[in-house]
Amino acid sequence: MGDAEFSVDVQKNRDVNTVQFPVDDDTKAEGKLAMGAHATVECRSNGDKNIPVRVGVMPASGMSLY
């Protein structure tokens, strides 16, 4: 696994937590992760880390990329 990673701010009620995800060669991204976008992250466990398998991104405008 390399040094690549991304972070997502997760909001629950009024609390916002930043979750960091390491990325490996098996991580597939659909769409472009950008500020304000909405993302769904499917992970697999690798020890104490959650490694993204699939990242689906929808622009903040709500328009689908497909």
C-alpha atoms as a PDB file:
ATOM      1  CA  MET A   1       0.000   0.000   0.000  1.00  0.00           C
ATOM      2  CA  GLY A   2       1.355   3.433  -0.904  1.00  0.00           C
ATOM      3  CA  ASP A   3       0.974   6.824   0.670  1.00  0.00           C
ATOM      4  CA  ALA A   4      -2.141   7.795  -1.304  1.00  0.00           C
ATOM      5  CA  GLU A   5      -5.232   8.650   0.716  1.00  0.00           C
ATOM      6  CA  PHE A   6      -8.266  10.893   0.727  1.00  0.00           C
ATOM      7  CA  SER A   7     -10.459  12.300   3.446  1.00  0.00           C
ATOM      8  CA  VAL A   8     -14.203  12.815   3.695  1.00  0.00           C
ATOM      9  CA  ASP A   9     -16.048  15.060   6.130  1.00  0.00           C
ATOM     10  CA  VAL A  10     -18.970  13.122   7.574  1.00  0.00           C
ATOM     11  CA  GLN A  11     -21.814  15.130   9.115  1.00  0.00           C
ATOM     12  CA  LYS A  12     -24.168  13.651  11.685  1.00  0.00           C
ATOM     13  CA  ASN A  13     -26.625  16.137  13.123  1.00  0.00           C
ATOM     14  CA  ARG A  14     -24.420  19.186  13.811  1.00  0.00           C
ATOM     15  CA  ASP A  15     -21.197  17.238  14.342  1.00  0.00           C
ATOM     16  CA  VAL A  16     -18.667  16.908  11.528  1.00  0.00           C
ATOM     17  CA  ASN A  17     -15.907  14.291  11.642  1.00  0.00           C
ATOM     18  CA  THR A  18     -13.116  13.874   9.114  1.00  0.00           C
ATOM     19  CA  VAL A  19     -12.497  10.265   8.074  1.00  0.00           C
ATOM     20  CA  GLN A  20      -9.277   9.420   6.235  1.00  0.00           C
ATOM     21  CA  PHE A  21      -9.057   6.495   3.833  1.00  0.00           C
ATOM     22  CA  PRO A  22      -5.821   4.971   2.502  1.00  0.00           C
ATOM     23  CA  VAL A  23      -6.043   4.027  -1.183  1.00  0.00           C
ATOM     24  CA  ASP A  24      -4.485   0.968  -2.831  1.00  0.00           C
ATOM     25  CA  ASP A  25      -4.329  -0.395  -6.385  1.00  0.00           C
ATOM     26  CA  ASP A  26      -7.703  -2.155  -5.983  1.00  0.00           C
ATOM     27  CA  THR A  27      -9.621   1.044  -5.120  1.00  0.00           C
ATOM     28  CA  LYS A  28     -12.051   2.009  -7.896  1.00  0.00           C
ATOM     29  CA  ALA A  29     -13.413   5.558  -8.148  1.00  0.00           C
ATOM     30  CA  GLU A  30     -16.562   6.544 -10.020  1.00  0.00           C
ATOM     31  CA  GLY A  31     -16.748  10.295 -10.495  1.00  0.00           C
ATOM     32  CA  LYS A  32     -14.420  13.042  -9.308  1.00  0.00           C
ATOM     33  CA  LEU A  33     -14.031  13.723  -5.612  1.00  0.00           C
ATOM     34  CA  ALA A  34     -14.234  17.483  -5.064  1.00  0.00           C
ATOM     35  CA  MET A  35     -15.166  19.925  -2.318  1.00  0.00           C
ATOM     36  CA  GLY A  36     -18.904  19.781  -1.634  1.00  0.00           C
ATOM     37  CA  ALA A  37     -19.465  16.516  -3.518  1.00  0.00           C
ATOM     38  CA  HIS A  38     -21.385  13.640  -1.941  1.00  0.00           C
ATOM     39  CA  ALA A  39     -19.585  10.294  -1.757  1.00  0.00           C
ATOM     40  CA  THR A  40     -20.412   6.695  -0.940  1.00  0.00           C
ATOM     41  CA  VAL A  41     -17.425   4.636   0.182  1.00  0.00           C
ATOM     42  CA  GLU A  42     -17.508   0.811   0.251  1.00  0.00           C
ATOM     43  CA  CYS A  43     -14.609  -0.611   2.285  1.00  0.00           C
ATOM     44  CA  ARG A  44     -12.885  -3.836   3.182  1.00  0.00           C
ATOM     45  CA  SER A  45     -10.989  -4.344   6.435  1.00  0.00           C
ATOM     46  CA  ASN A  46      -7.229  -4.762   6.467  1.00  0.00           C
ATOM     47  CA  GLY A  47      -6.107  -5.052  10.069  1.00  0.00           C
ATOM     48  CA  ASP A  48      -7.157  -1.865  11.806  1.00  0.00           C
ATOM     49  CA  LYS A  49      -7.702   0.072   8.542  1.00  0.00           C
ATOM     50  CA  ASN A  50     -10.707   0.372   6.259  1.00  0.00           C
ATOM     51  CA  ILE A  51      -9.497   0.241   2.659  1.00  0.00           C
ATOM     52  CA  PRO A  52     -11.910   1.638   0.055  1.00  0.00           C
ATOM     53  CA  VAL A  53     -12.922  -0.865  -2.609  1.00  0.00           C
ATOM     54  CA  ARG A  54     -15.294   1.490  -4.413  1.00  0.00           C
ATOM     55  CA  VAL A  55     -15.863   5.229  -4.142  1.00  0.00           C
ATOM     56  CA  GLY A  56     -18.988   6.628  -5.819  1.00  0.00           C
ATOM     57  CA  VAL A  57     -19.110  10.416  -6.119  1.00  0.00           C
ATOM     58  CA  MET A  58     -22.066  12.641  -6.963  1.00  0.00           C
ATOM     59  CA  PRO A  59     -21.495  16.358  -7.576  1.00  0.00           C
ATOM     60  CA  ALA A  60     -22.920  18.772  -5.012  1.00  0.00           C
ATOM     61  CA  SER A  61     -25.474  19.911  -7.618  1.00  0.00           C
ATOM     62  CA  GLY A  62     -27.189  16.521  -7.321  1.00  0.00           C
ATOM     63  CA  MET A  63     -26.816  15.797 -11.049  1.00  0.00           C
ATOM     64  CA  SER A  64     -25.775  12.262 -11.851  1.00  0.00           C
ATOM     65  CA  LEU A  65     -22.546  11.632 -13.766  1.00  0.00           C
ATOM     66  CA  TYR A  66     -24.229   8.887 -15.799  1.00  0.00           C
END
